[in-house]
Amino acid sequence: MTYSKTIRLRVMRGDVIAFGPGKAALLLAIAQTGSISAAARALGMSYRRAWLLVEEMNVSFQEPLVATATGGANGGGARITDLARSMLDRYEQMTRKAEAAVAQDMGYFDALMKPEE
């Protein structure tokens, strides 16, 4: 298959993408690594880009999605909050529902796509 049948949902807050597939991936990477910098490396992005995405998420919602601790004796780090975990679960459910709702239409587009060279 040459065409991805994935729906990419984005939750907007004004002109800003408050939450979407990239931010969901970043949250998952932070949860796995315990660090924004390690998550950025795992996703192939700069630390600055990851930090900006975290900031966008944290200011977009009523509660932060990522909690950070500065370095020092305990080494600092980052963790995702319970709200972030809940949002990741809900986002996955939303994506599955959206994919199921448009599966037939996506099949139509898939049939019209040229094969990759």
C-alpha atoms as a PDB file:
ATOM      1  CA  MET A   1       0.000   0.000   0.000  1.00  0.00           C
ATOM      2  CA  THR A   2       1.345   3.411  -0.872  1.00  0.00           C
ATOM      3  CA  TYR A   3      -1.167   5.651   0.855  1.00  0.00           C
ATOM      4  CA  SER A   4      -1.551   6.006   4.584  1.00  0.00           C
ATOM      5  CA  LYS A   5      -5.112   5.535   5.769  1.00  0.00           C
ATOM      6  CA  THR A   6      -4.451   7.463   8.919  1.00  0.00           C
ATOM      7  CA  ILE A   7      -6.493  10.412  10.035  1.00  0.00           C
ATOM      8  CA  ARG A   8      -4.426  13.156  11.647  1.00  0.00           C
ATOM      9  CA  LEU A   9      -6.682  14.993  14.070  1.00  0.00           C
ATOM     10  CA  ARG A  10      -5.658  18.336  15.495  1.00  0.00           C
ATOM     11  CA  VAL A  11      -7.229  20.189  18.387  1.00  0.00           C
ATOM     12  CA  MET A  12      -6.970  23.908  17.755  1.00  0.00           C
ATOM     13  CA  ARG A  13      -6.919  26.763  20.257  1.00  0.00           C
ATOM     14  CA  GLY A  14      -7.277  29.777  18.020  1.00  0.00           C
ATOM     15  CA  ASP A  15      -4.509  29.517  15.424  1.00  0.00           C
ATOM     16  CA  VAL A  16      -2.365  27.236  17.599  1.00  0.00           C
ATOM     17  CA  ILE A  17      -2.406  23.446  17.406  1.00  0.00           C
ATOM     18  CA  ALA A  18      -3.033  22.722  21.081  1.00  0.00           C
ATOM     19  CA  PHE A  19      -2.864  18.967  20.545  1.00  0.00           C
ATOM     20  CA  GLY A  20      -2.230  16.676  17.604  1.00  0.00           C
ATOM     21  CA  PRO A  21      -0.221  13.678  16.482  1.00  0.00           C
ATOM     22  CA  GLY A  22       3.185  15.311  16.924  1.00  0.00           C
ATOM     23  CA  LYS A  23       2.422  16.512  20.416  1.00  0.00           C
ATOM     24  CA  ALA A  24       0.946  13.133  21.323  1.00  0.00           C
ATOM     25  CA  ALA A  25       4.181  11.479  20.137  1.00  0.00           C
ATOM     26  CA  LEU A  26       6.218  13.944  22.197  1.00  0.00           C
ATOM     27  CA  LEU A  27       4.173  13.223  25.332  1.00  0.00           C
ATOM     28  CA  LEU A  28       4.642   9.483  24.843  1.00  0.00           C
ATOM     29  CA  ALA A  29       8.389   9.955  24.377  1.00  0.00           C
ATOM     30  CA  ILE A  30       8.601  12.092  27.532  1.00  0.00           C
ATOM     31  CA  ALA A  31       6.685   9.413  29.440  1.00  0.00           C
ATOM     32  CA  GLN A  32       9.149   6.769  28.206  1.00  0.00           C
ATOM     33  CA  THR A  33      12.356   8.725  28.737  1.00  0.00           C
ATOM     34  CA  GLY A  34      11.544  10.998  31.676  1.00  0.00           C
ATOM     35  CA  SER A  35      13.218  13.868  29.867  1.00  0.00           C
ATOM     36  CA  ILE A  36      12.293  16.481  27.267  1.00  0.00           C
ATOM     37  CA  SER A  37      15.794  16.400  25.762  1.00  0.00           C
ATOM     38  CA  ALA A  38      15.850  12.594  25.524  1.00  0.00           C
ATOM     39  CA  ALA A  39      12.341  12.634  24.039  1.00  0.00           C
ATOM     40  CA  ALA A  40      13.461  15.201  21.465  1.00  0.00           C
ATOM     41  CA  ARG A  41      16.460  13.060  20.495  1.00  0.00           C
ATOM     42  CA  ALA A  42      14.240   9.982  20.191  1.00  0.00           C
ATOM     43  CA  LEU A  43      11.932  11.876  17.833  1.00  0.00           C
ATOM     44  CA  GLY A  44      14.740  13.488  15.831  1.00  0.00           C
ATOM     45  CA  MET A  45      13.889  17.056  16.821  1.00  0.00           C
ATOM     46  CA  SER A  46      15.812  19.786  18.547  1.00  0.00           C
ATOM     47  CA  TYR A  47      15.447  20.358  22.261  1.00  0.00           C
ATOM     48  CA  ARG A  48      14.238  23.888  21.516  1.00  0.00           C
ATOM     49  CA  ARG A  49      11.445  22.602  19.266  1.00  0.00           C
ATOM     50  CA  ALA A  50      10.379  20.046  21.872  1.00  0.00           C
ATOM     51  CA  TRP A  51      10.408  22.690  24.607  1.00  0.00           C
ATOM     52  CA  LEU A  52       8.278  25.038  22.475  1.00  0.00           C
ATOM     53  CA  LEU A  53       5.753  22.252  21.855  1.00  0.00           C
ATOM     54  CA  VAL A  54       5.600  21.485  25.578  1.00  0.00           C
ATOM     55  CA  GLU A  55       5.060  25.171  26.338  1.00  0.00           C
ATOM     56  CA  GLU A  56       2.260  25.388  23.731  1.00  0.00           C
ATOM     57  CA  MET A  57       0.526  22.420  25.334  1.00  0.00           C
ATOM     58  CA  ASN A  58       1.007  23.680  28.879  1.00  0.00           C
ATOM     59  CA  VAL A  59      -0.496  27.107  28.129  1.00  0.00           C
ATOM     60  CA  SER A  60      -3.343  25.727  26.005  1.00  0.00           C
ATOM     61  CA  PHE A  61      -5.014  23.664  28.716  1.00  0.00           C
ATOM     62  CA  GLN A  62      -6.319  24.453  32.190  1.00  0.00           C
ATOM     63  CA  GLU A  63      -3.614  22.254  33.728  1.00  0.00           C
ATOM     64  CA  PRO A  64      -0.079  21.481  32.500  1.00  0.00           C
ATOM     65  CA  LEU A  65       0.462  18.309  30.488  1.00  0.00           C
ATOM     66  CA  VAL A  66       4.181  18.146  31.295  1.00  0.00           C
ATOM     67  CA  ALA A  67       5.721  18.766  34.710  1.00  0.00           C
ATOM     68  CA  THR A  68       9.431  19.534  34.847  1.00  0.00           C
ATOM     69  CA  ALA A  69      12.046  19.480  37.575  1.00  0.00           C
ATOM     70  CA  THR A  70      15.289  21.410  37.279  1.00  0.00           C
ATOM     71  CA  GLY A  71      18.601  19.577  37.469  1.00  0.00           C
ATOM     72  CA  GLY A  72      20.676  19.211  40.576  1.00  0.00           C
ATOM     73  CA  ALA A  73      21.088  16.445  43.112  1.00  0.00           C
ATOM     74  CA  ASN A  74      18.039  14.597  41.782  1.00  0.00           C
ATOM     75  CA  GLY A  75      19.022  15.148  38.144  1.00  0.00           C
ATOM     76  CA  GLY A  76      15.874  17.003  37.006  1.00  0.00           C
ATOM     77  CA  GLY A  77      13.698  15.584  34.307  1.00  0.00           C
ATOM     78  CA  ALA A  78      10.122  15.704  33.089  1.00  0.00           C
ATOM     79  CA  ARG A  79       6.987  13.658  33.423  1.00  0.00           C
ATOM     80  CA  ILE A  80       3.573  13.778  31.850  1.00  0.00           C
ATOM     81  CA  THR A  81       0.661  14.545  34.133  1.00  0.00           C
ATOM     82  CA  ASP A  82      -2.454  12.483  34.763  1.00  0.00           C
ATOM     83  CA  LEU A  83      -4.332  14.906  32.511  1.00  0.00           C
ATOM     84  CA  ALA A  84      -1.862  14.192  29.693  1.00  0.00           C
ATOM     85  CA  ARG A  85      -2.345  10.432  30.137  1.00  0.00           C
ATOM     86  CA  SER A  86      -6.101  10.889  30.007  1.00  0.00           C
ATOM     87  CA  MET A  87      -5.836  13.057  26.902  1.00  0.00           C
ATOM     88  CA  LEU A  88      -3.593  10.526  25.150  1.00  0.00           C
ATOM     89  CA  ASP A  89      -6.185   7.807  25.765  1.00  0.00           C
ATOM     90  CA  ARG A  90      -9.019  10.025  24.522  1.00  0.00           C
ATOM     91  CA  TYR A  91      -7.014  11.151  21.476  1.00  0.00           C
ATOM     92  CA  GLU A  92      -6.379   7.520  20.522  1.00  0.00           C
ATOM     93  CA  GLN A  93     -10.105   6.771  20.838  1.00  0.00           C
ATOM     94  CA  MET A  94     -10.980   9.813  18.718  1.00  0.00           C
ATOM     95  CA  THR A  95      -8.522   8.760  16.022  1.00  0.00           C
ATOM     96  CA  ARG A  96      -9.931   5.228  15.865  1.00  0.00           C
ATOM     97  CA  LYS A  97     -13.491   6.585  15.577  1.00  0.00           C
ATOM     98  CA  ALA A  98     -12.489   9.017  12.836  1.00  0.00           C
ATOM     99  CA  GLU A  99     -10.628   6.317  10.884  1.00  0.00           C
ATOM    100  CA  ALA A 100     -13.616   3.983  11.092  1.00  0.00           C
ATOM    101  CA  ALA A 101     -16.004   6.748  10.015  1.00  0.00           C
ATOM    102  CA  VAL A 102     -14.080   7.543   6.821  1.00  0.00           C
ATOM    103  CA  ALA A 103     -12.615   4.111   5.999  1.00  0.00           C
ATOM    104  CA  GLN A 104     -14.730   3.657   2.872  1.00  0.00           C
ATOM    105  CA  ASP A 105     -13.865   7.152   1.604  1.00  0.00           C
ATOM    106  CA  MET A 106     -10.172   6.594   2.301  1.00  0.00           C
ATOM    107  CA  GLY A 107     -10.390   3.359   0.308  1.00  0.00           C
ATOM    108  CA  TYR A 108     -11.731   5.373  -2.606  1.00  0.00           C
ATOM    109  CA  PHE A 109      -8.723   7.715  -2.501  1.00  0.00           C
ATOM    110  CA  ASP A 110      -6.351   4.795  -2.001  1.00  0.00           C
ATOM    111  CA  ALA A 111      -7.640   3.153  -5.184  1.00  0.00           C
ATOM    112  CA  LEU A 112      -6.891   6.338  -7.143  1.00  0.00           C
ATOM    113  CA  MET A 113      -3.315   6.781  -5.916  1.00  0.00           C
ATOM    114  CA  LYS A 114      -0.336   6.059  -8.143  1.00  0.00           C
ATOM    115  CA  PRO A 115       2.108   3.452  -6.803  1.00  0.00           C
ATOM    116  CA  GLU A 116       5.283   4.797  -5.198  1.00  0.00           C
ATOM    117  CA  GLU A 117       8.346   4.656  -7.408  1.00  0.00           C
END
